[in-house]
């Protein structure tokens, strides 16, 4: 995990208005808003690497409630168009979502159903999907 965070930091793009990392209290607020605890690896990402901007994918964030990547908003939208409520959105691509379950497995919810492809963990998804994007 630490190697992946370091790699993300090295690849992070400089932008005029950088993203901020959330506080632990902000993560508690996110959990209260969606009424689901965040899996441990997702919390690690949000606390230590959610300010990274890299490639074409924009994973969720938790520091700025007005950001288009704000986890409660992205997840609520995904639920509103049919994604099952036991999943938390981690990245939106149009009306498709990469999502995570309570055990930390990441799946692609696409065209109204879960695709067959999945990743054992959030960090495996980062390595295989986000980094190459």
Protein backbone atom coordinates (compact mmCIF):
# COMPACT_ATOMS: atom_id res chain seq x y z
CA UNK A 1 0.00 0.00 0.00
CA UNK A 2 2.72 2.51 0.95
CA UNK A 3 4.54 1.82 -2.33
CA UNK A 4 1.35 2.49 -4.28
CA UNK A 5 0.70 5.72 -2.41
CA UNK A 6 4.28 6.81 -3.13
CA UNK A 7 3.85 5.90 -6.80
CA UNK A 8 0.57 7.86 -6.98
CA UNK A 9 2.26 10.88 -5.39
CA UNK A 10 5.05 10.76 -7.97
CA UNK A 11 2.52 10.61 -10.83
CA UNK A 12 0.19 13.25 -9.40
CA UNK A 13 -0.48 16.17 -11.71
CA UNK A 14 -0.09 19.76 -10.56
CA UNK A 15 -3.37 21.64 -10.88
CA UNK A 16 -4.39 25.27 -10.13
CA UNK A 17 -6.75 24.23 -7.32
CA UNK A 18 -5.32 21.13 -5.63
CA UNK A 19 -7.49 18.62 -3.79
CA UNK A 20 -7.25 18.36 -0.01
CA UNK A 21 -6.96 15.29 2.19
CA UNK A 22 -9.85 14.80 4.63
CA UNK A 23 -9.56 14.65 8.40
CA UNK A 24 -10.65 11.57 10.29
CA UNK A 25 -13.72 13.55 11.44
CA UNK A 26 -14.66 14.20 7.80
CA UNK A 27 -14.55 10.44 7.14
CA UNK A 28 -16.90 9.91 10.07
CA UNK A 29 -19.26 12.49 8.51
CA UNK A 30 -19.10 10.63 5.18
CA UNK A 31 -20.00 7.36 6.91
CA UNK A 32 -22.89 9.07 8.71
CA UNK A 33 -24.18 10.49 5.42
CA UNK A 34 -24.20 7.15 3.58
CA UNK A 35 -25.07 5.06 6.66
CA UNK A 36 -22.40 2.47 5.82
CA UNK A 37 -18.92 2.06 7.32
CA UNK A 38 -16.07 2.58 4.87
CA UNK A 39 -13.82 -0.45 4.26
CA UNK A 40 -10.32 -0.05 5.77
CA UNK A 41 -8.44 0.26 2.46
CA UNK A 42 -10.85 2.90 1.19
CA UNK A 43 -10.29 4.88 4.41
CA UNK A 44 -6.51 4.61 3.92
CA UNK A 45 -6.81 5.92 0.38
CA UNK A 46 -9.07 8.79 1.43
CA UNK A 47 -6.79 9.83 4.32
CA UNK A 48 -3.45 9.53 2.52
CA UNK A 49 -3.90 9.70 -1.26
CA UNK A 50 -7.28 11.17 -2.22
CA UNK A 51 -5.58 14.45 -3.16
CA UNK A 52 -3.80 12.74 -6.07
CA UNK A 53 -4.83 13.67 -9.60
CA UNK A 54 -3.66 11.15 -12.17
CA UNK A 55 -4.81 9.94 -15.56
CA UNK A 56 -8.39 9.88 -16.77
CA UNK A 57 -10.08 8.32 -13.72
CA UNK A 58 -11.25 10.46 -10.82
CA UNK A 59 -11.71 8.35 -7.69
CA UNK A 60 -13.95 9.65 -4.92
CA UNK A 61 -12.82 12.23 -2.37
CA UNK A 62 -14.04 13.16 1.11
CA UNK A 63 -12.67 16.62 1.99
CA UNK A 64 -14.86 18.95 -0.11
CA UNK A 65 -18.63 18.39 -0.10
CA UNK A 66 -18.90 20.60 -3.22
CA UNK A 67 -16.49 18.52 -5.32
CA UNK A 68 -17.99 16.42 -8.12
CA UNK A 69 -16.03 13.48 -6.68
CA UNK A 70 -17.45 13.78 -3.13
CA UNK A 71 -18.08 10.19 -2.01
CA UNK A 72 -21.59 10.63 -0.52
CA UNK A 73 -22.84 12.43 -3.65
CA UNK A 74 -21.28 9.96 -6.09
CA UNK A 75 -22.57 6.98 -4.11
CA UNK A 76 -26.06 8.48 -3.68
CA UNK A 77 -26.29 9.04 -7.43
CA UNK A 78 -25.14 5.47 -8.12
CA UNK A 79 -27.79 4.15 -5.72
CA UNK A 80 -30.44 6.36 -7.36
CA UNK A 81 -29.83 4.72 -10.74
CA UNK A 82 -29.89 1.20 -9.37
CA UNK A 83 -26.52 0.26 -7.87
CA UNK A 84 -27.24 -1.96 -4.83
CA UNK A 85 -27.02 -0.13 -1.50
CA UNK A 86 -24.48 -2.54 -0.04
CA UNK A 87 -21.85 -1.09 -2.38
CA UNK A 88 -19.99 2.20 -2.07
CA UNK A 89 -18.96 3.98 -5.27
CA UNK A 90 -15.22 4.60 -5.53
CA UNK A 91 -15.05 6.00 -9.07
CA UNK A 92 -17.62 7.17 -11.61
CA UNK A 93 -17.31 6.87 -15.39
CA UNK A 94 -20.51 8.23 -16.89
CA UNK A 95 -23.26 6.00 -15.52
CA UNK A 96 -20.82 3.17 -14.71
CA UNK A 97 -19.21 2.89 -11.30
CA UNK A 98 -16.34 1.07 -9.72
CA UNK A 99 -17.67 0.13 -6.31
CA UNK A 100 -16.45 -1.59 -3.16
CA UNK A 101 -18.19 -3.96 -0.76
CA UNK A 102 -17.71 -4.24 3.01
CA UNK A 103 -15.06 -6.96 2.56
CA UNK A 104 -13.02 -4.58 0.40
CA UNK A 105 -13.59 -6.28 -2.97
CA UNK A 106 -13.91 -3.87 -5.89
CA UNK A 107 -16.34 -4.48 -8.75
CA UNK A 108 -17.54 -2.64 -11.83
CA UNK A 109 -21.25 -1.81 -11.85
CA UNK A 110 -22.00 -1.28 -15.52
CA UNK A 111 -25.20 -0.90 -17.49
CA UNK A 112 -27.34 -1.74 -14.47
CA UNK A 113 -25.49 -4.83 -13.27
CA UNK A 114 -22.22 -6.04 -11.81
CA UNK A 115 -19.68 -6.97 -14.45
CA UNK A 116 -17.80 -10.25 -14.04
CA UNK A 117 -14.46 -8.51 -13.55
CA UNK A 118 -13.47 -7.76 -9.95
CA UNK A 119 -10.42 -6.95 -7.84
CA UNK A 120 -9.55 -8.49 -4.47
CA UNK A 121 -8.81 -5.14 -2.86
CA UNK A 122 -8.90 -1.40 -3.35
CA UNK A 123 -5.11 -1.31 -3.79
CA UNK A 124 -5.23 -4.05 -6.44
CA UNK A 125 -7.78 -1.91 -8.30
CA UNK A 126 -5.45 1.11 -7.99
CA UNK A 127 -2.55 -0.89 -9.40
CA UNK A 128 -4.44 -2.57 -12.24
CA UNK A 129 -7.01 0.06 -13.23
CA UNK A 130 -6.23 3.58 -12.00
CA UNK A 131 -2.45 3.70 -12.40
CA UNK A 132 -2.49 2.57 -16.06
CA UNK A 133 -5.42 4.89 -16.95
